[in-house]
Amino acid sequence: MKILLNGLELARQAEGERTVGDVLAEVSEDVRRGGKVVTRIAVAGRAISEGRRDRVLAARVDDVPSLELAIDDPEHLRRRTIQDAGELIEKLVGQCKPLSRKFRIGDEVAANLELADYLEDLKWVVAGLDYSTRGHQSQGGPASARGRLMDSARQLVPTLDRIYQAQAAGDCIAIADEIEYELLELLAGWSPLVGQVRQEMQSLPQEK
């Protein structure tokens, strides 16, 4: 099995009775010791999904053509993640009114499918904000902005609970109200905080 890091093939190859999981653990540890983080794992060009993860990792290396890892510097990854989160927040804010309108006019099937995707994006934003700000909290970095972002994220919980309850009750108007007013207001408040985090990150020295 070939092993590639950021598209570059390593001189060593994995052979014999070892599993893909064994090799992945070994390479991931080498990456960690080198001060990097793994951002993507693929086998034969296909990203490992949760549904097939156990089966793929249990496969013998002789039965797999290649293991590909994308790696990044942690500081660069944080900066990139906060930028992506900021862009996705703007997208989510822009989707609030059109999505609420679908619920108001009774387009339930399309609205609920769109809402499912919306909430997945929202989960990614929260996780991305947590990851990208966590590492600087004890270094005089964006701790204050992080605190306000995480407080705001916690305020999402009752709003999301009401959305789920309204879904269960089939109350489309209640869902529309939560999205158009409560959710929109919370997310709109994130944009300036994310901008503050990005400014503070840019003021920190770049890692060599």
C-alpha atoms as a PDB file:
ATOM      1  CA  MET A   1       0.000   0.000   0.000  1.00  0.00           C
ATOM      2  CA  LYS A   2       1.365   3.395  -0.980  1.00  0.00           C
ATOM      3  CA  ILE A   3       1.297   6.169   1.643  1.00  0.00           C
ATOM      4  CA  LEU A   4       0.899   9.767   0.493  1.00  0.00           C
ATOM      5  CA  LEU A   5       1.085  12.986   2.513  1.00  0.00           C
ATOM      6  CA  ASN A   6      -0.372  16.026   0.755  1.00  0.00           C
ATOM      7  CA  GLY A   7      -0.073  14.165  -2.523  1.00  0.00           C
ATOM      8  CA  LEU A   8       3.593  13.230  -2.083  1.00  0.00           C
ATOM      9  CA  GLU A   9       4.352   9.511  -1.907  1.00  0.00           C
ATOM     10  CA  LEU A  10       6.525   8.412   1.001  1.00  0.00           C
ATOM     11  CA  ALA A  11       9.543   6.241   0.322  1.00  0.00           C
ATOM     12  CA  ARG A  12       8.190   3.584   2.665  1.00  0.00           C
ATOM     13  CA  GLN A  13       5.259   1.375   1.793  1.00  0.00           C
ATOM     14  CA  ALA A  14       3.037  -0.786   3.991  1.00  0.00           C
ATOM     15  CA  GLU A  15       3.066  -4.505   3.311  1.00  0.00           C
ATOM     16  CA  GLY A  16       2.133  -7.821   4.892  1.00  0.00           C
ATOM     17  CA  GLU A  17      -0.519  -8.664   7.448  1.00  0.00           C
ATOM     18  CA  ARG A  18      -0.891  -5.183   8.906  1.00  0.00           C
ATOM     19  CA  THR A  19      -4.192  -3.370   8.642  1.00  0.00           C
ATOM     20  CA  VAL A  20      -4.928   0.062   7.251  1.00  0.00           C
ATOM     21  CA  GLY A  21      -5.837   1.125  10.781  1.00  0.00           C
ATOM     22  CA  ASP A  22      -2.419   0.045  12.104  1.00  0.00           C
ATOM     23  CA  VAL A  23      -0.607   2.083   9.464  1.00  0.00           C
ATOM     24  CA  LEU A  24      -2.917   5.072   9.877  1.00  0.00           C
ATOM     25  CA  ALA A  25      -2.275   5.165  13.629  1.00  0.00           C
ATOM     26  CA  GLU A  26       1.484   4.990  13.064  1.00  0.00           C
ATOM     27  CA  VAL A  27       1.560   7.688  10.396  1.00  0.00           C
ATOM     28  CA  SER A  28      -0.806   9.928  12.353  1.00  0.00           C
ATOM     29  CA  GLU A  29       1.488   9.732  15.366  1.00  0.00           C
ATOM     30  CA  ASP A  30       4.477  10.671  13.190  1.00  0.00           C
ATOM     31  CA  VAL A  31       2.496  13.636  11.865  1.00  0.00           C
ATOM     32  CA  ARG A  32       1.583  14.716  15.398  1.00  0.00           C
ATOM     33  CA  ARG A  33       5.193  14.487  16.572  1.00  0.00           C
ATOM     34  CA  GLY A  34       6.142  16.656  13.615  1.00  0.00           C
ATOM     35  CA  GLY A  35       3.833  19.402  14.876  1.00  0.00           C
ATOM     36  CA  LYS A  36       1.187  18.930  12.182  1.00  0.00           C
ATOM     37  CA  VAL A  37      -2.432  17.775  12.178  1.00  0.00           C
ATOM     38  CA  VAL A  38      -4.285  15.415   9.852  1.00  0.00           C
ATOM     39  CA  THR A  39      -7.148  17.189   8.099  1.00  0.00           C
ATOM     40  CA  ARG A  40      -8.332  14.487   5.681  1.00  0.00           C
ATOM     41  CA  ILE A  41      -7.959  10.733   5.272  1.00  0.00           C
ATOM     42  CA  ALA A  42      -8.707   8.882   2.053  1.00  0.00           C
ATOM     43  CA  VAL A  43      -8.186   5.354   0.763  1.00  0.00           C
ATOM     44  CA  ALA A  44      -7.669   4.879  -2.967  1.00  0.00           C
ATOM     45  CA  GLY A  45      -8.744   8.481  -3.504  1.00  0.00           C
ATOM     46  CA  ARG A  46     -12.003   8.123  -1.582  1.00  0.00           C
ATOM     47  CA  ALA A  47     -12.503   9.844   1.769  1.00  0.00           C
ATOM     48  CA  ILE A  48     -13.319   7.487   4.615  1.00  0.00           C
ATOM     49  CA  SER A  49     -16.923   7.994   5.680  1.00  0.00           C
ATOM     50  CA  GLU A  50     -18.338   7.002   9.050  1.00  0.00           C
ATOM     51  CA  GLY A  51     -20.401   4.271   7.440  1.00  0.00           C
ATOM     52  CA  ARG A  52     -17.404   2.444   6.005  1.00  0.00           C
ATOM     53  CA  ARG A  53     -14.685   3.513   8.457  1.00  0.00           C
ATOM     54  CA  ASP A  54     -14.486   0.284  10.489  1.00  0.00           C
ATOM     55  CA  ARG A  55     -14.444  -1.919   7.402  1.00  0.00           C
ATOM     56  CA  VAL A  56     -11.769   0.147   5.674  1.00  0.00           C
ATOM     57  CA  LEU A  57      -9.503   0.369   8.706  1.00  0.00           C
ATOM     58  CA  ALA A  58      -9.736  -3.400   9.240  1.00  0.00           C
ATOM     59  CA  ALA A  59      -8.626  -4.149   5.654  1.00  0.00           C
ATOM     60  CA  ARG A  60      -5.184  -5.659   5.050  1.00  0.00           C
ATOM     61  CA  VAL A  61      -2.722  -3.227   3.509  1.00  0.00           C
ATOM     62  CA  ASP A  62      -2.017  -5.650   0.644  1.00  0.00           C
ATOM     63  CA  ASP A  63      -5.671  -5.288  -0.398  1.00  0.00           C
ATOM     64  CA  VAL A  64      -5.577  -1.467  -0.510  1.00  0.00           C
ATOM     65  CA  PRO A  65      -3.681   0.476  -3.205  1.00  0.00           C
ATOM     66  CA  SER A  66      -3.075   3.692  -1.287  1.00  0.00           C
ATOM     67  CA  LEU A  67      -3.626   5.633   1.929  1.00  0.00           C
ATOM     68  CA  GLU A  68      -3.698   9.404   1.440  1.00  0.00           C
ATOM     69  CA  LEU A  69      -3.497  11.958   4.247  1.00  0.00           C
ATOM     70  CA  ALA A  70      -3.808  15.722   4.004  1.00  0.00           C
ATOM     71  CA  ILE A  71      -1.894  17.487   6.764  1.00  0.00           C
ATOM     72  CA  ASP A  72      -1.567  21.092   7.839  1.00  0.00           C
ATOM     73  CA  ASP A  73       0.152  23.318  10.344  1.00  0.00           C
ATOM     74  CA  PRO A  74      -2.185  23.804  13.362  1.00  0.00           C
ATOM     75  CA  GLU A  75      -1.918  27.594  13.326  1.00  0.00           C
ATOM     76  CA  HIS A  76      -2.615  27.798   9.603  1.00  0.00           C
ATOM     77  CA  LEU A  77      -5.535  25.403  10.032  1.00  0.00           C
ATOM     78  CA  ARG A  78      -7.031  27.586  12.788  1.00  0.00           C
ATOM     79  CA  ARG A  79      -6.766  30.693  10.636  1.00  0.00           C
ATOM     80  CA  ARG A  80      -8.294  28.902   7.660  1.00  0.00           C
ATOM     81  CA  THR A  81     -11.071  27.424   9.807  1.00  0.00           C
ATOM     82  CA  ILE A  82     -12.098  30.777  11.282  1.00  0.00           C
ATOM     83  CA  GLN A  83     -12.175  32.256   7.772  1.00  0.00           C
ATOM     84  CA  ASP A  84     -14.347  29.387   6.487  1.00  0.00           C
ATOM     85  CA  ALA A  85     -16.622  29.716   9.530  1.00  0.00           C
ATOM     86  CA  GLY A  86     -17.063  33.425   8.883  1.00  0.00           C
ATOM     87  CA  GLU A  87     -18.023  32.818   5.261  1.00  0.00           C
ATOM     88  CA  LEU A  88     -20.459  30.069   6.238  1.00  0.00           C
ATOM     89  CA  ILE A  89     -22.076  32.283   8.885  1.00  0.00           C
ATOM     90  CA  GLU A  90     -22.770  34.901   6.204  1.00  0.00           C
ATOM     91  CA  LYS A  91     -24.321  32.193   4.036  1.00  0.00           C
ATOM     92  CA  LEU A  92     -26.507  30.933   6.902  1.00  0.00           C
ATOM     93  CA  VAL A  93     -27.663  34.453   7.742  1.00  0.00           C
ATOM     94  CA  GLY A  94     -28.660  34.938   4.110  1.00  0.00           C
ATOM     95  CA  GLN A  95     -30.623  31.669   4.112  1.00  0.00           C
ATOM     96  CA  CYS A  96     -32.762  32.478   7.158  1.00  0.00           C
ATOM     97  CA  LYS A  97     -35.531  34.481   5.500  1.00  0.00           C
ATOM     98  CA  PRO A  98     -35.842  32.344   2.342  1.00  0.00           C
ATOM     99  CA  LEU A  99     -35.969  29.205   4.497  1.00  0.00           C
ATOM    100  CA  SER A 100     -38.563  30.637   6.867  1.00  0.00           C
ATOM    101  CA  ARG A 101     -40.635  31.674   3.841  1.00  0.00           C
ATOM    102  CA  LYS A 102     -40.735  28.043   2.625  1.00  0.00           C
ATOM    103  CA  PHE A 103     -42.209  26.991   5.953  1.00  0.00           C
ATOM    104  CA  ARG A 104     -44.754  29.843   5.891  1.00  0.00           C
ATOM    105  CA  ILE A 105     -46.116  28.915   2.452  1.00  0.00           C
ATOM    106  CA  GLY A 106     -46.371  25.241   3.402  1.00  0.00           C
ATOM    107  CA  ASP A 107     -43.564  23.850   1.239  1.00  0.00           C
ATOM    108  CA  GLU A 108     -42.821  21.386   4.054  1.00  0.00           C
ATOM    109  CA  VAL A 109     -40.844  18.702   2.235  1.00  0.00           C
ATOM    110  CA  ALA A 110     -38.365  21.082   0.621  1.00  0.00           C
ATOM    111  CA  ALA A 111     -38.211  23.238   3.759  1.00  0.00           C
ATOM    112  CA  ASN A 112     -37.418  20.341   6.085  1.00  0.00           C
ATOM    113  CA  LEU A 113     -34.750  18.978   3.742  1.00  0.00           C
ATOM    114  CA  GLU A 114     -33.161  22.409   3.536  1.00  0.00           C
ATOM    115  CA  LEU A 115     -33.408  22.819   7.304  1.00  0.00           C
ATOM    116  CA  ALA A 116     -31.546  19.524   7.837  1.00  0.00           C
ATOM    117  CA  ASP A 117     -28.666  20.775   5.664  1.00  0.00           C
ATOM    118  CA  TYR A 118     -28.804  24.154   7.386  1.00  0.00           C
ATOM    119  CA  LEU A 119     -28.451  22.603  10.831  1.00  0.00           C
ATOM    120  CA  GLU A 120     -25.523  20.448   9.686  1.00  0.00           C
ATOM    121  CA  ASP A 121     -23.749  23.583   8.485  1.00  0.00           C
ATOM    122  CA  LEU A 122     -24.553  25.255  11.793  1.00  0.00           C
ATOM    123  CA  LYS A 123     -22.990  22.359  13.731  1.00  0.00           C
ATOM    124  CA  TRP A 124     -19.848  22.689  11.622  1.00  0.00           C
ATOM    125  CA  VAL A 125     -19.674  26.422  12.351  1.00  0.00           C
ATOM    126  CA  VAL A 126     -19.915  25.876  16.110  1.00  0.00           C
ATOM    127  CA  ALA A 127     -17.259  23.152  16.017  1.00  0.00           C
ATOM    128  CA  GLY A 128     -15.037  25.299  13.786  1.00  0.00           C
ATOM    129  CA  LEU A 129     -15.328  28.331  16.045  1.00  0.00           C
ATOM    130  CA  ASP A 130     -14.506  26.198  19.070  1.00  0.00           C
ATOM    131  CA  TYR A 131     -11.464  24.632  17.414  1.00  0.00           C
ATOM    132  CA  SER A 132     -10.057  27.787  15.863  1.00  0.00           C
ATOM    133  CA  THR A 133     -10.213  29.874  19.047  1.00  0.00           C
ATOM    134  CA  ARG A 134      -9.441  27.233  21.677  1.00  0.00           C
ATOM    135  CA  GLY A 135      -5.690  27.104  21.137  1.00  0.00           C
ATOM    136  CA  HIS A 136      -5.118  30.780  21.878  1.00  0.00           C
ATOM    137  CA  GLN A 137      -7.148  31.163  25.033  1.00  0.00           C
ATOM    138  CA  SER A 138      -4.187  30.825  27.393  1.00  0.00           C
ATOM    139  CA  GLN A 139      -1.816  32.825  25.179  1.00  0.00           C
ATOM    140  CA  GLY A 140      -3.384  36.260  25.376  1.00  0.00           C
ATOM    141  CA  GLY A 141      -5.128  35.695  22.047  1.00  0.00           C
ATOM    142  CA  PRO A 142      -8.837  35.960  21.213  1.00  0.00           C
ATOM    143  CA  ALA A 143     -10.037  34.714  24.603  1.00  0.00           C
ATOM    144  CA  SER A 144     -12.619  37.486  25.088  1.00  0.00           C
ATOM    145  CA  ALA A 145     -14.073  37.009  21.615  1.00  0.00           C
ATOM    146  CA  ARG A 146     -14.010  33.252  22.134  1.00  0.00           C
ATOM    147  CA  GLY A 147     -15.951  33.621  25.366  1.00  0.00           C
ATOM    148  CA  ARG A 148     -18.641  35.692  23.699  1.00  0.00           C
ATOM    149  CA  LEU A 149     -18.812  33.330  20.721  1.00  0.00           C
ATOM    150  CA  MET A 150     -19.211  30.288  22.956  1.00  0.00           C
ATOM    151  CA  ASP A 151     -21.815  32.079  25.115  1.00  0.00           C
ATOM    152  CA  SER A 152     -23.743  32.912  21.956  1.00  0.00           C
ATOM    153  CA  ALA A 153     -23.429  29.322  20.736  1.00  0.00           C
ATOM    154  CA  ARG A 154     -24.931  28.106  24.004  1.00  0.00           C
ATOM    155  CA  GLN A 155     -27.860  30.453  23.433  1.00  0.00           C
ATOM    156  CA  LEU A 156     -28.627  28.435  20.307  1.00  0.00           C
ATOM    157  CA  VAL A 157     -29.703  25.457  22.400  1.00  0.00           C
ATOM    158  CA  PRO A 158     -33.178  26.685  23.467  1.00  0.00           C
ATOM    159  CA  THR A 159     -33.835  28.034  19.974  1.00  0.00           C
ATOM    160  CA  LEU A 160     -32.943  24.704  18.379  1.00  0.00           C
ATOM    161  CA  ASP A 161     -35.015  22.854  20.983  1.00  0.00           C
ATOM    162  CA  ARG A 162     -38.045  24.934  20.044  1.00  0.00           C
ATOM    163  CA  ILE A 163     -37.419  24.243  16.344  1.00  0.00           C
ATOM    164  CA  TYR A 164     -37.275  20.486  16.976  1.00  0.00           C
ATOM    165  CA  GLN A 165     -40.426  20.632  19.109  1.00  0.00           C
ATOM    166  CA  ALA A 166     -42.231  22.581  16.399  1.00  0.00           C
ATOM    167  CA  GLN A 167     -41.101  20.041  13.806  1.00  0.00           C
ATOM    168  CA  ALA A 168     -42.476  17.208  15.910  1.00  0.00           C
ATOM    169  CA  ALA A 169     -45.775  19.071  16.235  1.00  0.00           C
ATOM    170  CA  GLY A 170     -45.883  19.945  12.530  1.00  0.00           C
ATOM    171  CA  ASP A 171     -46.065  23.660  13.410  1.00  0.00           C
ATOM    172  CA  CYS A 172     -44.492  25.297  10.353  1.00  0.00           C
ATOM    173  CA  ILE A 173     -45.298  28.837  11.455  1.00  0.00           C
ATOM    174  CA  ALA A 174     -43.452  28.356  14.753  1.00  0.00           C
ATOM    175  CA  ILE A 175     -40.435  26.988  12.887  1.00  0.00           C
ATOM    176  CA  ALA A 176     -40.497  29.963  10.515  1.00  0.00           C
ATOM    177  CA  ASP A 177     -40.645  32.410  13.425  1.00  0.00           C
ATOM    178  CA  GLU A 178     -37.689  30.788  15.204  1.00  0.00           C
ATOM    179  CA  ILE A 179     -35.579  30.848  12.038  1.00  0.00           C
ATOM    180  CA  GLU A 180     -36.496  34.348  10.877  1.00  0.00           C
ATOM    181  CA  TYR A 181     -36.228  36.106  14.221  1.00  0.00           C
ATOM    182  CA  GLU A 182     -34.374  34.174  16.930  1.00  0.00           C
ATOM    183  CA  LEU A 183     -31.848  32.263  14.802  1.00  0.00           C
ATOM    184  CA  LEU A 184     -31.192  35.173  12.456  1.00  0.00           C
ATOM    185  CA  GLU A 185     -30.496  37.547  15.355  1.00  0.00           C
ATOM    186  CA  LEU A 186     -28.077  35.144  17.033  1.00  0.00           C
ATOM    187  CA  LEU A 187     -26.121  34.377  13.866  1.00  0.00           C
ATOM    188  CA  ALA A 188     -25.971  38.022  12.786  1.00  0.00           C
ATOM    189  CA  GLY A 189     -24.273  38.761  16.106  1.00  0.00           C
ATOM    190  CA  TRP A 190     -21.519  36.246  15.321  1.00  0.00           C
ATOM    191  CA  SER A 191     -20.122  38.083  12.302  1.00  0.00           C
ATOM    192  CA  PRO A 192     -18.451  40.989  14.186  1.00  0.00           C
ATOM    193  CA  LEU A 193     -17.091  38.561  16.801  1.00  0.00           C
ATOM    194  CA  VAL A 194     -15.568  36.374  14.102  1.00  0.00           C
ATOM    195  CA  GLY A 195     -14.065  39.488  12.555  1.00  0.00           C
ATOM    196  CA  GLN A 196     -12.517  40.361  15.916  1.00  0.00           C
ATOM    197  CA  VAL A 197     -11.067  36.854  16.267  1.00  0.00           C
ATOM    198  CA  ARG A 198      -9.540  37.051  12.801  1.00  0.00           C
ATOM    199  CA  GLN A 199      -7.962  40.440  13.535  1.00  0.00           C
ATOM    200  CA  GLU A 200      -6.489  39.177  16.796  1.00  0.00           C
ATOM    201  CA  MET A 201      -5.169  36.046  15.091  1.00  0.00           C
ATOM    202  CA  GLN A 202      -3.488  38.158  12.430  1.00  0.00           C
ATOM    203  CA  SER A 203      -1.790  40.207  15.137  1.00  0.00           C
ATOM    204  CA  LEU A 204      -0.237  37.079  16.661  1.00  0.00           C
ATOM    205  CA  PRO A 205       3.199  36.004  15.405  1.00  0.00           C
ATOM    206  CA  GLN A 206       3.137  33.359  12.682  1.00  0.00           C
ATOM    207  CA  GLU A 207       4.663  30.012  13.612  1.00  0.00           C
ATOM    208  CA  LYS A 208       7.813  29.189  11.692  1.00  0.00           C
END
